[in-house]
mmCIF file of all heavy atoms, coordinates in Angstrom:
data_MODEL
# 
_entry.id   MODEL 
# 
loop_
_atom_site.group_PDB 
_atom_site.id 
_atom_site.type_symbol 
_atom_site.label_atom_id 
_atom_site.label_alt_id 
_atom_site.label_comp_id 
_atom_site.label_asym_id 
_atom_site.label_entity_id 
_atom_site.label_seq_id 
_atom_site.pdbx_PDB_ins_code 
_atom_site.Cartn_x 
_atom_site.Cartn_y 
_atom_site.Cartn_z 
_atom_site.occupancy 
_atom_site.B_iso_or_equiv 
_atom_site.pdbx_formal_charge 
_atom_site.auth_seq_id 
_atom_site.auth_comp_id 
_atom_site.auth_asym_id 
_atom_site.auth_atom_id 
_atom_site.pdbx_PDB_model_num 
ATOM 1   N N   . MET A 1 1  ? 37.133 -95.694  -107.546 1.00 0.00 ? 1  MET A N   1 
ATOM 2   C CA  . MET A 1 1  ? 36.148 -95.727  -106.483 1.00 0.00 ? 1  MET A CA  1 
ATOM 3   C C   . MET A 1 1  ? 36.490 -96.847  -105.505 1.00 0.00 ? 1  MET A C   1 
ATOM 4   O O   . MET A 1 1  ? 36.948 -97.914  -105.892 1.00 0.00 ? 1  MET A O   1 
ATOM 5   C CB  . MET A 1 1  ? 34.758 -95.964  -107.065 1.00 0.00 ? 1  MET A CB  1 
ATOM 6   C CG  . MET A 1 1  ? 33.710 -96.131  -105.979 1.00 0.00 ? 1  MET A CG  1 
ATOM 7   S SD  . MET A 1 1  ? 32.017 -96.161  -106.547 1.00 0.00 ? 1  MET A SD  1 
ATOM 8   C CE  . MET A 1 1  ? 31.717 -94.426  -106.726 1.00 0.00 ? 1  MET A CE  1 
ATOM 9   N N   . ILE A 1 2  ? 36.231 -96.583  -104.235 1.00 0.00 ? 2  ILE A N   1 
ATOM 10  C CA  . ILE A 1 2  ? 36.386 -97.599  -103.196 1.00 0.00 ? 2  ILE A CA  1 
ATOM 11  C C   . ILE A 1 2  ? 35.042 -98.292  -103.041 1.00 0.00 ? 2  ILE A C   1 
ATOM 12  O O   . ILE A 1 2  ? 34.012 -97.640  -102.884 1.00 0.00 ? 2  ILE A O   1 
ATOM 13  C CB  . ILE A 1 2  ? 36.781 -96.969  -101.849 1.00 0.00 ? 2  ILE A CB  1 
ATOM 14  C CG1 . ILE A 1 2  ? 38.101 -96.216  -101.968 1.00 0.00 ? 2  ILE A CG1 1 
ATOM 15  C CG2 . ILE A 1 2  ? 36.866 -98.034  -100.762 1.00 0.00 ? 2  ILE A CG2 1 
ATOM 16  C CD1 . ILE A 1 2  ? 38.422 -95.363  -100.763 1.00 0.00 ? 2  ILE A CD1 1 
ATOM 17  N N   . SER A 1 3  ? 35.053 -99.615  -103.070 1.00 0.00 ? 3  SER A N   1 
ATOM 18  C CA  . SER A 1 3  ? 33.837 -100.397 -102.860 1.00 0.00 ? 3  SER A CA  1 
ATOM 19  C C   . SER A 1 3  ? 33.993 -101.205 -101.584 1.00 0.00 ? 3  SER A C   1 
ATOM 20  O O   . SER A 1 3  ? 34.989 -101.898 -101.416 1.00 0.00 ? 3  SER A O   1 
ATOM 21  C CB  . SER A 1 3  ? 33.598 -101.347 -104.030 1.00 0.00 ? 3  SER A CB  1 
ATOM 22  O OG  . SER A 1 3  ? 33.292 -100.608 -105.189 1.00 0.00 ? 3  SER A OG  1 
ATOM 23  N N   . ILE A 1 4  ? 32.997 -101.083 -100.726 1.00 0.00 ? 4  ILE A N   1 
ATOM 24  C CA  . ILE A 1 4  ? 32.961 -101.880 -99.508  1.00 0.00 ? 4  ILE A CA  1 
ATOM 25  C C   . ILE A 1 4  ? 31.685 -102.703 -99.560  1.00 0.00 ? 4  ILE A C   1 
ATOM 26  O O   . ILE A 1 4  ? 30.593 -102.163 -99.713  1.00 0.00 ? 4  ILE A O   1 
ATOM 27  C CB  . ILE A 1 4  ? 32.973 -101.019 -98.227  1.00 0.00 ? 4  ILE A CB  1 
ATOM 28  C CG1 . ILE A 1 4  ? 34.232 -100.149 -98.171  1.00 0.00 ? 4  ILE A CG1 1 
ATOM 29  C CG2 . ILE A 1 4  ? 32.931 -101.907 -96.990  1.00 0.00 ? 4  ILE A CG2 1 
ATOM 30  C CD1 . ILE A 1 4  ? 34.004 -98.758  -98.606  1.00 0.00 ? 4  ILE A CD1 1 
ATOM 31  N N   . ASP A 1 5  ? 31.842 -104.001 -99.463  1.00 0.00 ? 5  ASP A N   1 
ATOM 32  C CA  . ASP A 1 5  ? 30.712 -104.906 -99.505  1.00 0.00 ? 5  ASP A CA  1 
ATOM 33  C C   . ASP A 1 5  ? 30.630 -105.617 -98.160  1.00 0.00 ? 5  ASP A C   1 
ATOM 34  O O   . ASP A 1 5  ? 31.560 -106.319 -97.770  1.00 0.00 ? 5  ASP A O   1 
ATOM 35  C CB  . ASP A 1 5  ? 30.896 -105.920 -100.639 1.00 0.00 ? 5  ASP A CB  1 
ATOM 36  C CG  . ASP A 1 5  ? 29.651 -106.725 -100.938 1.00 0.00 ? 5  ASP A CG  1 
ATOM 37  O OD1 . ASP A 1 5  ? 28.574 -106.396 -100.395 1.00 0.00 ? 5  ASP A OD1 1 
ATOM 38  O OD2 . ASP A 1 5  ? 29.749 -107.682 -101.720 1.00 0.00 ? 5  ASP A OD2 1 
ATOM 39  N N   . PHE A 1 6  ? 29.541 -105.382 -97.437  1.00 0.00 ? 6  PHE A N   1 
ATOM 40  C CA  . PHE A 1 6  ? 29.309 -106.073 -96.169  1.00 0.00 ? 6  PHE A CA  1 
ATOM 41  C C   . PHE A 1 6  ? 28.526 -107.340 -96.458  1.00 0.00 ? 6  PHE A C   1 
ATOM 42  O O   . PHE A 1 6  ? 27.584 -107.326 -97.252  1.00 0.00 ? 6  PHE A O   1 
ATOM 43  C CB  . PHE A 1 6  ? 28.538 -105.180 -95.193  1.00 0.00 ? 6  PHE A CB  1 
ATOM 44  C CG  . PHE A 1 6  ? 29.382 -104.116 -94.583  1.00 0.00 ? 6  PHE A CG  1 
ATOM 45  C CD1 . PHE A 1 6  ? 29.477 -102.871 -95.178  1.00 0.00 ? 6  PHE A CD1 1 
ATOM 46  C CD2 . PHE A 1 6  ? 30.102 -104.355 -93.432  1.00 0.00 ? 6  PHE A CD2 1 
ATOM 47  C CE1 . PHE A 1 6  ? 30.278 -101.878 -94.638  1.00 0.00 ? 6  PHE A CE1 1 
ATOM 48  C CE2 . PHE A 1 6  ? 30.906 -103.374 -92.875  1.00 0.00 ? 6  PHE A CE2 1 
ATOM 49  C CZ  . PHE A 1 6  ? 30.993 -102.133 -93.479  1.00 0.00 ? 6  PHE A CZ  1 
ATOM 50  N N   . PHE A 1 7  ? 28.913 -108.426 -95.810  1.00 0.00 ? 7  PHE A N   1 
ATOM 51  C CA  . PHE A 1 7  ? 28.228 -109.702 -95.960  1.00 0.00 ? 7  PHE A CA  1 
ATOM 52  C C   . PHE A 1 7  ? 27.264 -109.856 -94.785  1.00 0.00 ? 7  PHE A C   1 
ATOM 53  O O   . PHE A 1 7  ? 27.635 -109.581 -93.644  1.00 0.00 ? 7  PHE A O   1 
ATOM 54  C CB  . PHE A 1 7  ? 29.224 -110.856 -95.974  1.00 0.00 ? 7  PHE A CB  1 
ATOM 55  C CG  . PHE A 1 7  ? 30.381 -110.640 -96.906  1.00 0.00 ? 7  PHE A CG  1 
ATOM 56  C CD1 . PHE A 1 7  ? 31.684 -110.715 -96.453  1.00 0.00 ? 7  PHE A CD1 1 
ATOM 57  C CD2 . PHE A 1 7  ? 30.175 -110.338 -98.247  1.00 0.00 ? 7  PHE A CD2 1 
ATOM 58  C CE1 . PHE A 1 7  ? 32.763 -110.509 -97.296  1.00 0.00 ? 7  PHE A CE1 1 
ATOM 59  C CE2 . PHE A 1 7  ? 31.245 -110.124 -99.103  1.00 0.00 ? 7  PHE A CE2 1 
ATOM 60  C CZ  . PHE A 1 7  ? 32.534 -110.215 -98.632  1.00 0.00 ? 7  PHE A CZ  1 
ATOM 61  N N   . ALA A 1 8  ? 26.042 -110.296 -95.085  1.00 0.00 ? 8  ALA A N   1 
ATOM 62  C CA  . ALA A 1 8  ? 25.037 -110.471 -94.042  1.00 0.00 ? 8  ALA A CA  1 
ATOM 63  C C   . ALA A 1 8  ? 24.337 -111.810 -94.221  1.00 0.00 ? 8  ALA A C   1 
ATOM 64  O O   . ALA A 1 8  ? 24.167 -112.283 -95.342  1.00 0.00 ? 8  ALA A O   1 
ATOM 65  C CB  . ALA A 1 8  ? 24.016 -109.341 -94.099  1.00 0.00 ? 8  ALA A CB  1 
ATOM 66  N N   . ALA A 1 9  ? 23.970 -112.403 -93.104  1.00 0.00 ? 9  ALA A N   1 
ATOM 67  C CA  . ALA A 1 9  ? 23.208 -113.648 -93.105  1.00 0.00 ? 9  ALA A CA  1 
ATOM 68  C C   . ALA A 1 9  ? 22.239 -113.602 -91.931  1.00 0.00 ? 9  ALA A C   1 
ATOM 69  O O   . ALA A 1 9  ? 22.662 -113.345 -90.798  1.00 0.00 ? 9  ALA A O   1 
ATOM 70  C CB  . ALA A 1 9  ? 24.130 -114.858 -92.993  1.00 0.00 ? 9  ALA A CB  1 
ATOM 71  N N   . GLN A 1 10 ? 20.990 -113.811 -92.203  1.00 0.00 ? 10 GLN A N   1 
ATOM 72  C CA  . GLN A 1 10 ? 19.954 -113.844 -91.181  1.00 0.00 ? 10 GLN A CA  1 
ATOM 73  C C   . GLN A 1 10 ? 19.978 -112.597 -90.294  1.00 0.00 ? 10 GLN A C   1 
ATOM 74  O O   . GLN A 1 10 ? 19.879 -112.685 -89.069  1.00 0.00 ? 10 GLN A O   1 
ATOM 75  C CB  . GLN A 1 10 ? 20.070 -115.115 -90.350  1.00 0.00 ? 10 GLN A CB  1 
ATOM 76  C CG  . GLN A 1 10 ? 19.936 -116.365 -91.187  1.00 0.00 ? 10 GLN A CG  1 
ATOM 77  C CD  . GLN A 1 10 ? 20.237 -117.621 -90.399  1.00 0.00 ? 10 GLN A CD  1 
ATOM 78  O OE1 . GLN A 1 10 ? 20.621 -117.589 -89.242  1.00 0.00 ? 10 GLN A OE1 1 
ATOM 79  N NE2 . GLN A 1 10 ? 20.059 -118.763 -91.048  1.00 0.00 ? 10 GLN A NE2 1 
ATOM 80  N N   . GLY A 1 11 ? 20.172 -111.443 -90.909  1.00 0.00 ? 11 GLY A N   1 
ATOM 81  C CA  . GLY A 1 11 ? 20.141 -110.179 -90.183  1.00 0.00 ? 11 GLY A CA  1 
ATOM 82  C C   . GLY A 1 11 ? 21.415 -109.789 -89.467  1.00 0.00 ? 11 GLY A C   1 
ATOM 83  O O   . GLY A 1 11 ? 21.484 -108.725 -88.871  1.00 0.00 ? 11 GLY A O   1 
ATOM 84  N N   . ALA A 1 12 ? 22.437 -110.629 -89.521  1.00 0.00 ? 12 ALA A N   1 
ATOM 85  C CA  . ALA A 1 12 ? 23.709 -110.328 -88.846  1.00 0.00 ? 12 ALA A CA  1 
ATOM 86  C C   . ALA A 1 12 ? 24.810 -110.119 -89.881  1.00 0.00 ? 12 ALA A C   1 
ATOM 87  O O   . ALA A 1 12 ? 24.848 -110.799 -90.907  1.00 0.00 ? 12 ALA A O   1 
ATOM 88  C CB  . ALA A 1 12 ? 24.099 -111.469 -87.917  1.00 0.00 ? 12 ALA A CB  1 
ATOM 89  N N   . LEU A 1 13 ? 25.697 -109.187 -89.613  1.00 0.00 ? 13 LEU A N   1 
ATOM 90  C CA  . LEU A 1 13 ? 26.848 -108.992 -90.483  1.00 0.00 ? 13 LEU A CA  1 
ATOM 91  C C   . LEU A 1 13 ? 27.857 -110.107 -90.225  1.00 0.00 ? 13 LEU A C   1 
ATOM 92  O O   . LEU A 1 13 ? 28.128 -110.449 -89.076  1.00 0.00 ? 13 LEU A O   1 
ATOM 93  C CB  . LEU A 1 13 ? 27.485 -107.628 -90.239  1.00 0.00 ? 13 LEU A CB  1 
ATOM 94  C CG  . LEU A 1 13 ? 26.612 -106.426 -90.614  1.00 0.00 ? 13 LEU A CG  1 
ATOM 95  C CD1 . LEU A 1 13 ? 27.305 -105.121 -90.230  1.00 0.00 ? 13 LEU A CD1 1 
ATOM 96  C CD2 . LEU A 1 13 ? 26.273 -106.438 -92.097  1.00 0.00 ? 13 LEU A CD2 1 
ATOM 97  N N   . THR A 1 14 ? 28.384 -110.666 -91.297  1.00 0.00 ? 14 THR A N   1 
ATOM 98  C CA  . THR A 1 14 ? 29.325 -111.782 -91.164  1.00 0.00 ? 14 THR A CA  1 
ATOM 99  C C   . THR A 1 14 ? 30.708 -111.445 -91.706  1.00 0.00 ? 14 THR A C   1 
ATOM 100 O O   . THR A 1 14 ? 31.590 -112.286 -91.706  1.00 0.00 ? 14 THR A O   1 
ATOM 101 C CB  . THR A 1 14 ? 28.795 -113.024 -91.901  1.00 0.00 ? 14 THR A CB  1 
ATOM 102 O OG1 . THR A 1 14 ? 28.623 -112.718 -93.286  1.00 0.00 ? 14 THR A OG1 1 
ATOM 103 C CG2 . THR A 1 14 ? 27.472 -113.484 -91.305  1.00 0.00 ? 14 THR A CG2 1 
ATOM 104 N N   . GLY A 1 15 ? 30.905 -110.211 -92.168  1.00 0.00 ? 15 GLY A N   1 
ATOM 105 C CA  . GLY A 1 15 ? 32.206 -109.799 -92.667  1.00 0.00 ? 15 GLY A CA  1 
ATOM 106 C C   . GLY A 1 15 ? 32.079 -108.687 -93.688  1.00 0.00 ? 15 GLY A C   1 
ATOM 107 O O   . GLY A 1 15 ? 31.007 -108.098 -93.861  1.00 0.00 ? 15 GLY A O   1 
ATOM 108 N N   . PHE A 1 16 ? 33.192 -108.410 -94.352  1.00 0.00 ? 16 PHE A N   1 
ATOM 109 C CA  . PHE A 1 16 ? 33.213 -107.348 -95.351  1.00 0.00 ? 16 PHE A CA  1 
ATOM 110 C C   . PHE A 1 16 ? 34.404 -107.532 -96.282  1.00 0.00 ? 16 PHE A C   1 
ATOM 111 O O   . PHE A 1 16 ? 35.362 -108.241 -95.970  1.00 0.00 ? 16 PHE A O   1 
ATOM 112 C CB  . PHE A 1 16 ? 33.302 -105.967 -94.680  1.00 0.00 ? 16 PHE A CB  1 
ATOM 113 C CG  . PHE A 1 16 ? 34.574 -105.730 -93.920  1.00 0.00 ? 16 PHE A CG  1 
ATOM 114 C CD1 . PHE A 1 16 ? 35.681 -105.159 -94.525  1.00 0.00 ? 16 PHE A CD1 1 
ATOM 115 C CD2 . PHE A 1 16 ? 34.668 -106.082 -92.584  1.00 0.00 ? 16 PHE A CD2 1 
ATOM 116 C CE1 . PHE A 1 16 ? 36.860 -104.952 -93.817  1.00 0.00 ? 16 PHE A CE1 1 
ATOM 117 C CE2 . PHE A 1 16 ? 35.834 -105.877 -91.872  1.00 0.00 ? 16 PHE A CE2 1 
ATOM 118 C CZ  . PHE A 1 16 ? 36.930 -105.309 -92.490  1.00 0.00 ? 16 PHE A CZ  1 
ATOM 119 N N   . SER A 1 17 ? 34.334 -106.879 -97.427  1.00 0.00 ? 17 SER A N   1 
ATOM 120 C CA  . SER A 1 17 ? 35.494 -106.760 -98.308  1.00 0.00 ? 17 SER A CA  1 
ATOM 121 C C   . SER A 1 17 ? 35.569 -105.308 -98.745  1.00 0.00 ? 17 SER A C   1 
ATOM 122 O O   . SER A 1 17 ? 34.540 -104.640 -98.894  1.00 0.00 ? 17 SER A O   1 
ATOM 123 C CB  . SER A 1 17 ? 35.404 -107.698 -99.518  1.00 0.00 ? 17 SER A CB  1 
ATOM 124 O OG  . SER A 1 17 ? 34.407 -107.271 -100.407 1.00 0.00 ? 17 SER A OG  1 
ATOM 125 N N   . ALA A 1 18 ? 36.764 -104.824 -98.899  1.00 0.00 ? 18 ALA A N   1 
ATOM 126 C CA  . ALA A 1 18 ? 36.990 -103.445 -99.346  1.00 0.00 ? 18 ALA A CA  1 
ATOM 127 C C   . ALA A 1 18 ? 38.090 -103.463 -100.392 1.00 0.00 ? 18 ALA A C   1 
ATOM 128 O O   . ALA A 1 18 ? 39.107 -104.136 -100.221 1.00 0.00 ? 18 ALA A O   1 
ATOM 129 C CB  . ALA A 1 18 ? 37.393 -102.568 -98.154  1.00 0.00 ? 18 ALA A CB  1 
ATOM 130 N N   . HIS A 1 19 ? 37.860 -102.722 -101.470 1.00 0.00 ? 19 HIS A N   1 
ATOM 131 C CA  . HIS A 1 19 ? 38.887 -102.634 -102.508 1.00 0.00 ? 19 HIS A CA  1 
ATOM 132 C C   . HIS A 1 19 ? 38.716 -101.355 -103.306 1.00 0.00 ? 19 HIS A C   1 
ATOM 133 O O   . HIS A 1 19 ? 37.645 -100.754 -103.319 1.00 0.00 ? 19 HIS A O   1 
ATOM 134 C CB  . HIS A 1 19 ? 38.847 -103.864 -103.431 1.00 0.00 ? 19 HIS A CB  1 
ATOM 135 C CG  . HIS A 1 19 ? 37.562 -104.023 -104.170 1.00 0.00 ? 19 HIS A CG  1 
ATOM 136 N ND1 . HIS A 1 19 ? 37.303 -103.402 -105.356 1.00 0.00 ? 19 HIS A ND1 1 
ATOM 137 C CD2 . HIS A 1 19 ? 36.449 -104.719 -103.856 1.00 0.00 ? 19 HIS A CD2 1 
ATOM 138 C CE1 . HIS A 1 19 ? 36.088 -103.729 -105.765 1.00 0.00 ? 19 HIS A CE1 1 
ATOM 139 N NE2 . HIS A 1 19 ? 35.548 -104.527 -104.854 1.00 0.00 ? 19 HIS A NE2 1 
ATOM 140 N N   . GLY A 1 20 ? 39.790 -100.933 -103.921 1.00 0.00 ? 20 GLY A N   1 
ATOM 141 C CA  . GLY A 1 20 ? 39.738 -99.783  -104.812 1.00 0.00 ? 20 GLY A CA  1 
ATOM 142 C C   . GLY A 1 20 ? 40.525 -98.595  -104.309 1.00 0.00 ? 20 GLY A C   1 
ATOM 143 O O   . GLY A 1 20 ? 41.221 -98.650  -103.300 1.00 0.00 ? 20 GLY A O   1 
ATOM 144 N N   . HIS A 1 21 ? 40.386 -97.502  -105.040 1.00 0.00 ? 21 HIS A N   1 
ATOM 145 C CA  . HIS A 1 21 ? 41.079 -96.248  -104.767 1.00 0.00 ? 21 HIS A CA  1 
ATOM 146 C C   . HIS A 1 21 ? 40.097 -95.124  -105.032 1.00 0.00 ? 21 HIS A C   1 
ATOM 147 O O   . HIS A 1 21 ? 39.338 -95.178  -106.001 1.00 0.00 ? 21 HIS A O   1 
ATOM 148 C CB  . HIS A 1 21 ? 42.314 -96.132  -105.672 1.00 0.00 ? 21 HIS A CB  1 
ATOM 149 C CG  . HIS A 1 21 ? 43.207 -94.994  -105.332 1.00 0.00 ? 21 HIS A CG  1 
ATOM 150 N ND1 . HIS A 1 21 ? 42.871 -93.692  -105.584 1.00 0.00 ? 21 HIS A ND1 1 
ATOM 151 C CD2 . HIS A 1 21 ? 44.428 -94.953  -104.749 1.00 0.00 ? 21 HIS A CD2 1 
ATOM 152 C CE1 . HIS A 1 21 ? 43.860 -92.901  -105.184 1.00 0.00 ? 21 HIS A CE1 1 
ATOM 153 N NE2 . HIS A 1 21 ? 44.809 -93.643  -104.669 1.00 0.00 ? 21 HIS A NE2 1 
ATOM 154 N N   . ALA A 1 22 ? 40.095 -94.114  -104.200 1.00 0.00 ? 22 ALA A N   1 
ATOM 155 C CA  . ALA A 1 22 ? 39.132 -93.024  -104.331 1.00 0.00 ? 22 ALA A CA  1 
ATOM 156 C C   . ALA A 1 22 ? 39.459 -92.076  -105.482 1.00 0.00 ? 22 ALA A C   1 
ATOM 157 O O   . ALA A 1 22 ? 38.596 -91.352  -105.956 1.00 0.00 ? 22 ALA A O   1 
ATOM 158 C CB  . ALA A 1 22 ? 39.055 -92.240  -103.025 1.00 0.00 ? 22 ALA A CB  1 
ATOM 159 N N   . ASP A 1 23 ? 40.707 -92.045  -105.913 1.00 0.00 ? 23 ASP A N   1 
ATOM 160 C CA  . ASP A 1 23 ? 41.138 -91.167  -107.011 1.00 0.00 ? 23 ASP A CA  1 
ATOM 161 C C   . ASP A 1 23 ? 40.853 -89.692  -106.754 1.00 0.00 ? 23 ASP A C   1 
ATOM 162 O O   . ASP A 1 23 ? 40.565 -88.937  -107.670 1.00 0.00 ? 23 ASP A O   1 
ATOM 163 C CB  . ASP A 1 23 ? 40.496 -91.598  -108.340 1.00 0.00 ? 23 ASP A CB  1 
ATOM 164 C CG  . ASP A 1 23 ? 40.961 -92.970  -108.782 1.00 0.00 ? 23 ASP A CG  1 
ATOM 165 O OD1 . ASP A 1 23 ? 42.147 -93.291  -108.567 1.00 0.00 ? 23 ASP A OD1 1 
ATOM 166 O OD2 . ASP A 1 23 ? 40.133 -93.726  -109.338 1.00 0.00 ? 23 ASP A OD2 1 
ATOM 167 N N   . THR A 1 24 ? 40.911 -89.276  -105.491 1.00 0.00 ? 24 THR A N   1 
ATOM 168 C CA  . THR A 1 24 ? 40.712 -87.867  -105.173 1.00 0.00 ? 24 THR A CA  1 
ATOM 169 C C   . THR A 1 24 ? 42.028 -87.149  -104.890 1.00 0.00 ? 24 THR A C   1 
ATOM 170 O O   . THR A 1 24 ? 42.060 -85.940  -104.799 1.00 0.00 ? 24 THR A O   1 
ATOM 171 C CB  . THR A 1 24 ? 39.780 -87.695  -103.956 1.00 0.00 ? 24 THR A CB  1 
ATOM 172 O OG1 . THR A 1 24 ? 40.349 -88.374  -102.836 1.00 0.00 ? 24 THR A OG1 1 
ATOM 173 C CG2 . THR A 1 24 ? 38.394 -88.247  -104.250 1.00 0.00 ? 24 THR A CG2 1 
ATOM 174 N N   . ALA A 1 25 ? 43.112 -87.920  -104.757 1.00 0.00 ? 25 ALA A N   1 
ATOM 175 C CA  . ALA A 1 25 ? 44.447 -87.375  -104.487 1.00 0.00 ? 25 ALA A CA  1 
ATOM 176 C C   . ALA A 1 25 ? 45.438 -88.491  -104.790 1.00 0.00 ? 25 ALA A C   1 
ATOM 177 O O   . ALA A 1 25 ? 45.034 -89.617  -105.081 1.00 0.00 ? 25 ALA A O   1 
ATOM 178 C CB  . ALA A 1 25 ? 44.556 -86.941  -103.027 1.00 0.00 ? 25 ALA A CB  1 
# 
């Protein structure tokens, strides 16, 4: 599974991280 985690502070997005593989192909 691909996981994307968005970072937020005081209602604003401050970044993200993405990792993994979907394993669909």
